[in-house]
Every structure is written in structure tokens, then in C-alpha cells.
Amino acid sequence: AAVRFILEINIVWGDALDFKTKDEPRVPIRFSEWSPVNGSMLKRRDF
């Protein structure tokens, strides 16, 4: 489930030329940075 969830967020239906998603409403594409902390913990930050 964790792998599916991450892929759902990391692989985006969008246009990399105008930096927006293709689904409506079209909004700026954001990506999540996943960083390991304290062993088995993950820290997510969106950019």
C-alpha cells in the first residue's frame, strides 16, 4: 500500500511544459520529497 500510495503521488498526469496537472481544475504540479529519518520513519515535504 505504501508503494502504491507513493507512485500515485510521484507519477503525475500533467504537462511538464506549463507545470500544471491535466485533470480539472488544472493546478500547479507539486512533487513530494521523501526523506528517511530515525530509521523507519519518512518525512514528506511538497515542492
All heavy atoms as atom14 arrays in JSON, in Angstrom:
{
  "sequence": "AAVRFILEINIVWGDALDFKTKDEPRVPIRFSEWSPVNGSMLKRRDF",
  "atom14_mask": [
    [1, 1, 1, 1, 1, 0, 0, 0, 0, 0, 0, 0, 0, 0],
    [1, 1, 1, 1, 1, 0, 0, 0, 0, 0, 0, 0, 0, 0],
    [1, 1, 1, 1, 1, 1, 1, 0, 0, 0, 0, 0, 0, 0],
    [1, 1, 1, 1, 1, 1, 1, 1, 1, 1, 1, 0, 0, 0],
    [1, 1, 1, 1, 1, 1, 1, 1, 1, 1, 1, 0, 0, 0],
    [1, 1, 1, 1, 1, 1, 1, 1, 0, 0, 0, 0, 0, 0],
    [1, 1, 1, 1, 1, 1, 1, 1, 0, 0, 0, 0, 0, 0],
    [1, 1, 1, 1, 1, 1, 1, 1, 1, 0, 0, 0, 0, 0],
    [1, 1, 1, 1, 1, 1, 1, 1, 0, 0, 0, 0, 0, 0],
    [1, 1, 1, 1, 1, 1, 1, 1, 0, 0, 0, 0, 0, 0],
    [1, 1, 1, 1, 1, 1, 1, 1, 0, 0, 0, 0, 0, 0],
    [1, 1, 1, 1, 1, 1, 1, 0, 0, 0, 0, 0, 0, 0],
    [1, 1, 1, 1, 1, 1, 1, 1, 1, 1, 1, 1, 1, 1],
    [1, 1, 1, 1, 0, 0, 0, 0, 0, 0, 0, 0, 0, 0],
    [1, 1, 1, 1, 1, 1, 1, 1, 0, 0, 0, 0, 0, 0],
    [1, 1, 1, 1, 1, 0, 0, 0, 0, 0, 0, 0, 0, 0],
    [1, 1, 1, 1, 1, 1, 1, 1, 0, 0, 0, 0, 0, 0],
    [1, 1, 1, 1, 1, 1, 1, 1, 0, 0, 0, 0, 0, 0],
    [1, 1, 1, 1, 1, 1, 1, 1, 1, 1, 1, 0, 0, 0],
    [1, 1, 1, 1, 1, 1, 1, 1, 1, 0, 0, 0, 0, 0],
    [1, 1, 1, 1, 1, 1, 1, 0, 0, 0, 0, 0, 0, 0],
    [1, 1, 1, 1, 1, 1, 1, 1, 1, 0, 0, 0, 0, 0],
    [1, 1, 1, 1, 1, 1, 1, 1, 0, 0, 0, 0, 0, 0],
    [1, 1, 1, 1, 1, 1, 1, 1, 1, 0, 0, 0, 0, 0],
    [1, 1, 1, 1, 1, 1, 1, 0, 0, 0, 0, 0, 0, 0],
    [1, 1, 1, 1, 1, 1, 1, 1, 1, 1, 1, 0, 0, 0],
    [1, 1, 1, 1, 1, 1, 1, 0, 0, 0, 0, 0, 0, 0],
    [1, 1, 1, 1, 1, 1, 1, 0, 0, 0, 0, 0, 0, 0],
    [1, 1, 1, 1, 1, 1, 1, 1, 0, 0, 0, 0, 0, 0],
    [1, 1, 1, 1, 1, 1, 1, 1, 1, 1, 1, 0, 0, 0],
    [1, 1, 1, 1, 1, 1, 1, 1, 1, 1, 1, 0, 0, 0],
    [1, 1, 1, 1, 1, 1, 0, 0, 0, 0, 0, 0, 0, 0],
    [1, 1, 1, 1, 1, 1, 1, 1, 1, 0, 0, 0, 0, 0],
    [1, 1, 1, 1, 1, 1, 1, 1, 1, 1, 1, 1, 1, 1],
    [1, 1, 1, 1, 1, 1, 0, 0, 0, 0, 0, 0, 0, 0],
    [1, 1, 1, 1, 1, 1, 1, 0, 0, 0, 0, 0, 0, 0],
    [1, 1, 1, 1, 1, 1, 1, 0, 0, 0, 0, 0, 0, 0],
    [1, 1, 1, 1, 1, 1, 1, 1, 0, 0, 0, 0, 0, 0],
    [1, 1, 1, 1, 0, 0, 0, 0, 0, 0, 0, 0, 0, 0],
    [1, 1, 1, 1, 1, 1, 0, 0, 0, 0, 0, 0, 0, 0],
    [1, 1, 1, 1, 1, 1, 1, 1, 0, 0, 0, 0, 0, 0],
    [1, 1, 1, 1, 1, 1, 1, 1, 0, 0, 0, 0, 0, 0],
    [1, 1, 1, 1, 1, 1, 1, 1, 1, 0, 0, 0, 0, 0],
    [1, 1, 1, 1, 1, 1, 1, 1, 1, 1, 1, 0, 0, 0],
    [1, 1, 1, 1, 1, 1, 1, 1, 1, 1, 1, 0, 0, 0],
    [1, 1, 1, 1, 1, 1, 1, 1, 0, 0, 0, 0, 0, 0],
    [1, 1, 1, 1, 1, 1, 1, 1, 1, 1, 1, 0, 0, 0]
  ],
  "atom14_positions": [
    [[0.83, -1.2, 0.0], [0.0, 0.0, 0.0], [0.87, 1.25, 0.0], [0.55, 2.25, -0.67], [-0.93, 0.0, 1.22], [0.0, 0.0, 0.0], [0.0, 0.0, 0.0], [0.0, 0.0, 0.0], [0.0, 0.0, 0.0], [0.0, 0.0, 0.0], [0.0, 0.0, 0.0], [0.0, 0.0, 0.0], [0.0, 0.0, 0.0], [0.0, 0.0, 0.0]],
    [[1.98, 1.23, 0.74], [2.89, 2.38, 0.77], [3.48, 2.64, -0.61], [3.57, 3.78, -1.06], [3.99, 2.14, 1.8], [0.0, 0.0, 0.0], [0.0, 0.0, 0.0], [0.0, 0.0, 0.0], [0.0, 0.0, 0.0], [0.0, 0.0, 0.0], [0.0, 0.0, 0.0], [0.0, 0.0, 0.0], [0.0, 0.0, 0.0], [0.0, 0.0, 0.0]],
    [[3.88, 1.57, -1.3], [4.45, 1.71, -2.64], [3.41, 2.27, -3.6], [3.68, 3.19, -4.38], [4.99, 0.36, -3.14], [5.35, 0.44, -4.63], [6.22, -0.05, -2.33], [0.0, 0.0, 0.0], [0.0, 0.0, 0.0], [0.0, 0.0, 0.0], [0.0, 0.0, 0.0], [0.0, 0.0, 0.0], [0.0, 0.0, 0.0], [0.0, 0.0, 0.0]],
    [[2.2, 1.74, -3.56], [1.13, 2.24, -4.44], [0.84, 3.71, -4.15], [0.63, 4.51, -5.08], [-0.14, 1.41, -4.27], [-0.07, 0.01, -4.89], [-1.46, -0.59, -4.94], [-1.46, -1.95, -5.46], [-1.44, -2.25, -6.77], [-1.4, -1.27, -7.66], [-1.44, -3.52, -7.16], [0.0, 0.0, 0.0], [0.0, 0.0, 0.0], [0.0, 0.0, 0.0]],
    [[0.8, 4.08, -2.89], [0.49, 5.44, -2.49], [1.55, 6.41, -3.02], [1.23, 7.46, -3.59], [0.4, 5.53, -0.97], [0.11, 6.9, -0.45], [-1.17, 7.43, -0.49], [1.12, 7.68, 0.09], [-1.45, 8.71, -0.01], [0.87, 8.96, 0.59], [-0.43, 9.47, 0.53], [0.0, 0.0, 0.0], [0.0, 0.0, 0.0], [0.0, 0.0, 0.0]],
    [[2.81, 6.04, -2.86], [3.91, 6.9, -3.33], [3.87, 7.03, -4.84], [4.04, 8.13, -5.39], [5.26, 6.35, -2.84], [5.37, 6.55, -1.33], [6.41, 7.04, -3.56], [6.58, 5.87, -0.71], [0.0, 0.0, 0.0], [0.0, 0.0, 0.0], [0.0, 0.0, 0.0], [0.0, 0.0, 0.0], [0.0, 0.0, 0.0], [0.0, 0.0, 0.0]],
    [[3.63, 5.95, -5.55], [3.56, 6.0, -7.01], [2.39, 6.88, -7.47], [2.49, 7.58, -8.48], [3.44, 4.6, -7.6], [4.7, 3.74, -7.49], [4.41, 2.32, -7.94], [5.85, 4.33, -8.31], [0.0, 0.0, 0.0], [0.0, 0.0, 0.0], [0.0, 0.0, 0.0], [0.0, 0.0, 0.0], [0.0, 0.0, 0.0], [0.0, 0.0, 0.0]],
    [[1.29, 6.84, -6.75], [0.13, 7.67, -7.09], [0.5, 9.15, -7.01], [0.02, 9.97, -7.8], [-1.02, 7.36, -6.12], [-2.35, 7.96, -6.52], [-3.04, 7.23, -7.67], [-2.69, 6.05, -7.91], [-3.89, 7.84, -8.32], [0.0, 0.0, 0.0], [0.0, 0.0, 0.0], [0.0, 0.0, 0.0], [0.0, 0.0, 0.0], [0.0, 0.0, 0.0]],
    [[1.36, 9.5, -6.08], [1.77, 10.89, -5.89], [2.93, 11.27, -6.8], [2.97, 12.36, -7.37], [2.16, 11.12, -4.41], [0.92, 11.01, -3.53], [2.84, 12.48, -4.22], [1.21, 11.05, -2.06], [0.0, 0.0, 0.0], [0.0, 0.0, 0.0], [0.0, 0.0, 0.0], [0.0, 0.0, 0.0], [0.0, 0.0, 0.0], [0.0, 0.0, 0.0]],
    [[3.87, 10.35, -6.98], [5.1, 10.67, -7.72], [4.95, 10.61, -9.24], [5.74, 11.24, -9.95], [6.23, 9.71, -7.31], [6.84, 10.07, -5.98], [6.23, 10.78, -5.17], [8.03, 9.56, -5.72], [0.0, 0.0, 0.0], [0.0, 0.0, 0.0], [0.0, 0.0, 0.0], [0.0, 0.0, 0.0], [0.0, 0.0, 0.0], [0.0, 0.0, 0.0]],
    [[3.99, 9.85, -9.75], [3.78, 9.75, -11.19], [2.5, 10.53, -11.51], [1.4, 10.11, -11.14], [3.67, 8.28, -11.66], [4.83, 7.45, -11.1], [3.61, 8.22, -13.18], [6.2, 7.92, -11.53], [0.0, 0.0, 0.0], [0.0, 0.0, 0.0], [0.0, 0.0, 0.0], [0.0, 0.0, 0.0], [0.0, 0.0, 0.0], [0.0, 0.0, 0.0]],
    [[2.66, 11.66, -12.19], [1.59, 12.65, -12.28], [1.06, 12.79, -13.7], [1.85, 12.83, -14.67], [2.12, 14.02, -11.8], [1.07, 15.1, -11.96], [2.57, 13.93, -10.34], [0.0, 0.0, 0.0], [0.0, 0.0, 0.0], [0.0, 0.0, 0.0], [0.0, 0.0, 0.0], [0.0, 0.0, 0.0], [0.0, 0.0, 0.0], [0.0, 0.0, 0.0]],
    [[-0.25, 12.88, -13.81], [-0.89, 13.21, -15.09], [-0.85, 14.73, -15.23], [-1.58, 15.45, -14.55], [-2.33, 12.71, -15.1], [-3.05, 12.99, -16.4], [-2.52, 13.04, -17.66], [-4.45, 13.25, -16.56], [-3.48, 13.32, -18.6], [-4.68, 13.45, -17.94], [-5.52, 13.33, -15.67], [-5.94, 13.73, -18.46], [-6.79, 13.61, -16.18], [-6.98, 13.8, -17.56]],
    [[0.04, 15.21, -16.08], [0.2, 16.64, -16.2], [1.01, 17.02, -17.42], [1.41, 16.17, -18.23], [0.0, 0.0, 0.0], [0.0, 0.0, 0.0], [0.0, 0.0, 0.0], [0.0, 0.0, 0.0], [0.0, 0.0, 0.0], [0.0, 0.0, 0.0], [0.0, 0.0, 0.0], [0.0, 0.0, 0.0], [0.0, 0.0, 0.0], [0.0, 0.0, 0.0]],
    [[1.25, 18.31, -17.56], [2.01, 18.87, -18.68], [3.25, 19.54, -18.1], [3.17, 20.57, -17.44], [1.15, 19.89, -19.43], [1.82, 20.37, -20.72], [3.06, 20.27, -20.83], [1.09, 20.85, -21.61], [0.0, 0.0, 0.0], [0.0, 0.0, 0.0], [0.0, 0.0, 0.0], [0.0, 0.0, 0.0], [0.0, 0.0, 0.0], [0.0, 0.0, 0.0]],
    [[4.41, 18.94, -18.36], [5.65, 19.47, -17.8], [6.07, 20.77, -18.46], [6.99, 21.43, -17.97], [6.77, 18.43, -17.94], [0.0, 0.0, 0.0], [0.0, 0.0, 0.0], [0.0, 0.0, 0.0], [0.0, 0.0, 0.0], [0.0, 0.0, 0.0], [0.0, 0.0, 0.0], [0.0, 0.0, 0.0], [0.0, 0.0, 0.0], [0.0, 0.0, 0.0]],
    [[5.41, 21.16, -19.56], [5.75, 22.43, -20.21], [5.1, 23.62, -19.52], [5.7, 24.7, -19.44], [5.33, 22.39, -21.69], [6.1, 21.39, -22.56], [5.57, 21.43, -23.99], [7.59, 21.68, -22.54], [0.0, 0.0, 0.0], [0.0, 0.0, 0.0], [0.0, 0.0, 0.0], [0.0, 0.0, 0.0], [0.0, 0.0, 0.0], [0.0, 0.0, 0.0]],
    [[3.88, 23.44, -19.03], [3.24, 24.55, -18.31], [3.16, 24.3, -16.81], [2.57, 25.09, -16.07], [1.87, 24.89, -18.89], [0.82, 23.79, -18.69], [1.1, 22.82, -17.93], [-0.27, 23.9, -19.26], [0.0, 0.0, 0.0], [0.0, 0.0, 0.0], [0.0, 0.0, 0.0], [0.0, 0.0, 0.0], [0.0, 0.0, 0.0], [0.0, 0.0, 0.0]],
    [[3.73, 23.17, -16.37], [3.86, 22.85, -14.95], [2.51, 22.66, -14.25], [2.41, 22.84, -13.04], [4.65, 23.94, -14.2], [6.0, 24.21, -14.79], [6.24, 25.36, -15.52], [7.04, 23.31, -14.63], [7.49, 25.61, -16.07], [8.3, 23.56, -15.17], [8.52, 24.71, -15.89], [0.0, 0.0, 0.0], [0.0, 0.0, 0.0], [0.0, 0.0, 0.0]],
    [[1.48, 22.24, -14.99], [0.16, 22.07, -14.4], [-0.37, 20.65, -14.63], [-0.01, 19.99, -15.59], [-0.84, 23.08, -14.99], [-0.55, 24.52, -14.6], [-1.62, 25.45, -15.16], [-1.35, 26.9, -14.76], [-2.38, 27.82, -15.31], [0.0, 0.0, 0.0], [0.0, 0.0, 0.0], [0.0, 0.0, 0.0], [0.0, 0.0, 0.0], [0.0, 0.0, 0.0]],
    [[-1.25, 20.23, -13.73], [-1.9, 18.93, -13.89], [-2.86, 19.0, -15.07], [-3.31, 20.08, -15.48], [-2.69, 18.56, -12.63], [-3.69, 19.55, -12.39], [-1.76, 18.46, -11.42], [0.0, 0.0, 0.0], [0.0, 0.0, 0.0], [0.0, 0.0, 0.0], [0.0, 0.0, 0.0], [0.0, 0.0, 0.0], [0.0, 0.0, 0.0], [0.0, 0.0, 0.0]],
    [[-3.22, 17.84, -15.62], [-4.17, 17.8, -16.73], [-5.61, 17.62, -16.26], [-6.54, 17.97, -16.97], [-3.81, 16.66, -17.69], [-2.54, 16.9, -18.48], [-2.65, 18.11, -19.41], [-3.62, 17.85, -20.56], [-3.7, 19.02, -21.47], [0.0, 0.0, 0.0], [0.0, 0.0, 0.0], [0.0, 0.0, 0.0], [0.0, 0.0, 0.0], [0.0, 0.0, 0.0]],
    [[-5.8, 17.04, -15.08], [-7.17, 16.88, -14.58], [-7.69, 18.23, -14.09], [-6.93, 19.09, -13.66], [-7.24, 15.82, -13.48], [-6.22, 16.03, -12.38], [-5.15, 16.59, -12.67], [-6.48, 15.63, -11.24], [0.0, 0.0, 0.0], [0.0, 0.0, 0.0], [0.0, 0.0, 0.0], [0.0, 0.0, 0.0], [0.0, 0.0, 0.0], [0.0, 0.0, 0.0]],
    [[-8.99, 18.4, -14.17], [-9.61, 19.67, -13.78], [-9.95, 19.67, -12.29], [-10.37, 18.66, -11.74], [-10.89, 19.89, -14.61], [-10.64, 20.02, -16.11], [-9.87, 21.28, -16.49], [-9.83, 22.22, -15.65], [-9.31, 21.33, -17.58], [0.0, 0.0, 0.0], [0.0, 0.0, 0.0], [0.0, 0.0, 0.0], [0.0, 0.0, 0.0], [0.0, 0.0, 0.0]],
    [[-9.81, 20.82, -11.63], [-9.21, 22.05, -12.16], [-7.7, 21.89, -12.3], [-7.06, 21.26, -11.44], [-9.57, 23.08, -11.1], [-9.64, 22.3, -9.82], [-10.2, 20.96, -10.2], [0.0, 0.0, 0.0], [0.0, 0.0, 0.0], [0.0, 0.0, 0.0], [0.0, 0.0, 0.0], [0.0, 0.0, 0.0], [0.0, 0.0, 0.0], [0.0, 0.0, 0.0]],
    [[-7.14, 22.46, -13.36], [-5.7, 22.38, -13.58], [-4.98, 23.24, -12.54], [-5.26, 24.42, -12.41], [-5.35, 22.83, -15.0], [-5.99, 21.96, -16.08], [-5.34, 22.22, -17.42], [-3.98, 21.71, -17.44], [-3.01, 22.22, -18.2], [-3.24, 23.27, -18.96], [-1.8, 21.69, -18.17], [0.0, 0.0, 0.0], [0.0, 0.0, 0.0], [0.0, 0.0, 0.0]],
    [[-4.11, 22.61, -11.81], [-3.38, 23.31, -10.75], [-1.89, 23.05, -10.93], [-1.49, 22.09, -11.61], [-3.84, 22.84, -9.35], [-5.31, 23.16, -9.14], [-3.59, 21.34, -9.19], [0.0, 0.0, 0.0], [0.0, 0.0, 0.0], [0.0, 0.0, 0.0], [0.0, 0.0, 0.0], [0.0, 0.0, 0.0], [0.0, 0.0, 0.0], [0.0, 0.0, 0.0]],
    [[-1.04, 23.87, -10.33], [0.41, 23.64, -10.43], [0.79, 22.26, -9.9], [0.3, 21.81, -8.87], [1.01, 24.75, -9.56], [-0.01, 25.85, -9.6], [-1.34, 25.15, -9.62], [0.0, 0.0, 0.0], [0.0, 0.0, 0.0], [0.0, 0.0, 0.0], [0.0, 0.0, 0.0], [0.0, 0.0, 0.0], [0.0, 0.0, 0.0], [0.0, 0.0, 0.0]],
    [[1.67, 21.58, -10.64], [2.16, 20.27, -10.22], [3.07, 20.44, -9.01], [3.93, 21.31, -8.98], [2.94, 19.59, -11.36], [2.01, 19.3, -12.53], [3.59, 18.3, -10.86], [2.76, 18.81, -13.77], [0.0, 0.0, 0.0], [0.0, 0.0, 0.0], [0.0, 0.0, 0.0], [0.0, 0.0, 0.0], [0.0, 0.0, 0.0], [0.0, 0.0, 0.0]],
    [[2.83, 19.63, -8.02], [3.73, 19.58, -6.88], [4.27, 18.16, -6.73], [3.6, 17.18, -7.06], [3.03, 20.03, -5.59], [1.86, 19.17, -5.17], [1.37, 19.53, -3.76], [0.79, 20.85, -3.69], [0.33, 21.39, -2.57], [0.39, 20.71, -1.43], [-0.2, 22.58, -2.56], [0.0, 0.0, 0.0], [0.0, 0.0, 0.0], [0.0, 0.0, 0.0]],
    [[5.49, 18.07, -6.26], [6.1, 16.78, -6.0], [6.5, 16.68, -4.54], [6.83, 17.69, -3.91], [7.33, 16.57, -6.88], [7.02, 16.05, -8.26], [7.46, 16.73, -9.38], [6.29, 14.9, -8.43], [7.18, 16.26, -10.64], [6.0, 14.41, -9.69], [6.45, 15.1, -10.8], [0.0, 0.0, 0.0], [0.0, 0.0, 0.0], [0.0, 0.0, 0.0]],
    [[6.5, 15.46, -4.04], [6.85, 15.22, -2.65], [8.28, 14.71, -2.54], [8.68, 13.8, -3.27], [5.91, 14.19, -2.02], [4.6, 14.7, -1.95], [0.0, 0.0, 0.0], [0.0, 0.0, 0.0], [0.0, 0.0, 0.0], [0.0, 0.0, 0.0], [0.0, 0.0, 0.0], [0.0, 0.0, 0.0], [0.0, 0.0, 0.0], [0.0, 0.0, 0.0]],
    [[9.02, 15.32, -1.65], [10.34, 14.82, -1.28], [10.15, 13.89, -0.08], [9.56, 14.27, 0.92], [11.24, 15.99, -0.89], [12.58, 15.57, -0.3], [13.28, 16.73, 0.38], [12.9, 17.06, 1.53], [14.17, 17.32, -0.25], [0.0, 0.0, 0.0], [0.0, 0.0, 0.0], [0.0, 0.0, 0.0], [0.0, 0.0, 0.0], [0.0, 0.0, 0.0]],
    [[10.65, 12.66, -0.21], [10.53, 11.66, 0.85], [11.92, 11.43, 1.44], [12.82, 10.96, 0.74], [9.98, 10.36, 0.3], [8.73, 10.5, -0.51], [8.64, 10.74, -1.86], [7.38, 10.4, -0.05], [7.32, 10.8, -2.26], [6.53, 10.6, -1.16], [6.81, 10.17, 1.21], [5.15, 10.57, -1.07], [5.43, 10.15, 1.31], [4.61, 10.34, 0.18]],
    [[12.11, 11.76, 2.69], [13.43, 11.66, 3.31], [13.38, 10.75, 4.53], [12.5, 10.91, 5.39], [13.92, 13.04, 3.73], [13.98, 13.92, 2.63], [0.0, 0.0, 0.0], [0.0, 0.0, 0.0], [0.0, 0.0, 0.0], [0.0, 0.0, 0.0], [0.0, 0.0, 0.0], [0.0, 0.0, 0.0], [0.0, 0.0, 0.0], [0.0, 0.0, 0.0]],
    [[14.31, 9.79, 4.63], [14.33, 8.91, 5.8], [14.83, 9.65, 7.04], [15.77, 10.43, 6.97], [15.31, 7.81, 5.39], [16.2, 8.47, 4.38], [15.36, 9.48, 3.65], [0.0, 0.0, 0.0], [0.0, 0.0, 0.0], [0.0, 0.0, 0.0], [0.0, 0.0, 0.0], [0.0, 0.0, 0.0], [0.0, 0.0, 0.0], [0.0, 0.0, 0.0]],
    [[14.16, 9.41, 8.15], [14.59, 9.99, 9.43], [14.41, 8.92, 10.51], [13.43, 8.18, 10.5], [13.79, 11.26, 9.8], [14.13, 12.41, 8.87], [12.29, 11.01, 9.8], [0.0, 0.0, 0.0], [0.0, 0.0, 0.0], [0.0, 0.0, 0.0], [0.0, 0.0, 0.0], [0.0, 0.0, 0.0], [0.0, 0.0, 0.0], [0.0, 0.0, 0.0]],
    [[15.36, 8.84, 11.4], [15.24, 7.94, 12.56], [14.89, 6.51, 12.16], [13.92, 5.93, 12.66], [14.21, 8.48, 13.55], [14.58, 9.84, 14.09], [15.75, 10.14, 14.26], [13.58, 10.67, 14.35], [0.0, 0.0, 0.0], [0.0, 0.0, 0.0], [0.0, 0.0, 0.0], [0.0, 0.0, 0.0], [0.0, 0.0, 0.0], [0.0, 0.0, 0.0]],
    [[15.63, 5.97, 11.23], [15.42, 4.57, 10.87], [14.25, 4.33, 9.95], [14.33, 4.52, 8.75], [0.0, 0.0, 0.0], [0.0, 0.0, 0.0], [0.0, 0.0, 0.0], [0.0, 0.0, 0.0], [0.0, 0.0, 0.0], [0.0, 0.0, 0.0], [0.0, 0.0, 0.0], [0.0, 0.0, 0.0], [0.0, 0.0, 0.0], [0.0, 0.0, 0.0]],
    [[13.12, 3.92, 10.52], [11.96, 3.52, 9.71], [10.97, 4.65, 9.45], [9.91, 4.41, 8.88], [11.22, 2.37, 10.4], [12.01, 1.2, 10.44], [0.0, 0.0, 0.0], [0.0, 0.0, 0.0], [0.0, 0.0, 0.0], [0.0, 0.0, 0.0], [0.0, 0.0, 0.0], [0.0, 0.0, 0.0], [0.0, 0.0, 0.0], [0.0, 0.0, 0.0]],
    [[11.31, 5.87, 9.83], [10.4, 6.99, 9.62], [10.71, 7.69, 8.3], [11.85, 7.73, 7.85], [10.51, 7.99, 10.77], [10.36, 7.38, 12.15], [8.7, 6.69, 12.44], [7.81, 8.22, 12.81], [0.0, 0.0, 0.0], [0.0, 0.0, 0.0], [0.0, 0.0, 0.0], [0.0, 0.0, 0.0], [0.0, 0.0, 0.0], [0.0, 0.0, 0.0]],
    [[9.66, 8.24, 7.69], [9.81, 9.03, 6.47], [9.23, 10.41, 6.69], [8.16, 10.57, 7.28], [9.09, 8.37, 5.29], [9.84, 7.32, 4.47], [8.97, 6.89, 3.29], [11.17, 7.84, 3.96], [0.0, 0.0, 0.0], [0.0, 0.0, 0.0], [0.0, 0.0, 0.0], [0.0, 0.0, 0.0], [0.0, 0.0, 0.0], [0.0, 0.0, 0.0]],
    [[9.93, 11.41, 6.19], [9.48, 12.8, 6.25], [9.1, 13.23, 4.84], [9.89, 13.13, 3.91], [10.6, 13.69, 6.78], [10.33, 15.19, 6.72], [9.32, 15.63, 7.75], [9.18, 17.16, 7.74], [8.16, 17.62, 8.7], [0.0, 0.0, 0.0], [0.0, 0.0, 0.0], [0.0, 0.0, 0.0], [0.0, 0.0, 0.0], [0.0, 0.0, 0.0]],
    [[7.86, 13.72, 4.69], [7.37, 14.17, 3.38], [7.28, 15.7, 3.35], [6.72, 16.31, 4.25], [6.0, 13.57, 3.09], [5.35, 14.08, 1.81], [3.95, 13.5, 1.65], [3.24, 14.12, 0.54], [1.96, 13.89, 0.25], [1.25, 13.06, 1.01], [1.39, 14.51, -0.77], [0.0, 0.0, 0.0], [0.0, 0.0, 0.0], [0.0, 0.0, 0.0]],
    [[7.85, 16.29, 2.27], [7.73, 17.72, 2.04], [7.35, 17.94, 0.58], [7.95, 17.35, -0.32], [9.04, 18.45, 2.35], [9.55, 18.26, 3.77], [10.65, 19.26, 4.11], [11.77, 19.16, 3.18], [12.72, 20.09, 3.05], [12.67, 21.2, 3.78], [13.72, 19.93, 2.22], [0.0, 0.0, 0.0], [0.0, 0.0, 0.0], [0.0, 0.0, 0.0]],
    [[6.36, 18.79, 0.34], [5.89, 19.04, -1.03], [6.5, 20.32, -1.58], [6.52, 21.36, -0.91], [4.36, 19.17, -1.05], [3.67, 17.84, -0.79], [4.37, 16.8, -0.71], [2.43, 17.83, -0.67], [0.0, 0.0, 0.0], [0.0, 0.0, 0.0], [0.0, 0.0, 0.0], [0.0, 0.0, 0.0], [0.0, 0.0, 0.0], [0.0, 0.0, 0.0]],
    [[6.97, 20.24, -2.84], [7.54, 21.39, -3.54], [6.84, 21.57, -4.89], [6.32, 20.61, -5.47], [9.04, 21.18, -3.79], [9.88, 21.17, -2.56], [10.06, 20.01, -1.82], [10.5, 22.34, -2.12], [10.85, 20.0, -0.68], [11.29, 22.34, -0.97], [11.47, 21.18, -0.25], [0.0, 0.0, 0.0], [0.0, 0.0, 0.0], [0.0, 0.0, 0.0]]
  ]
}
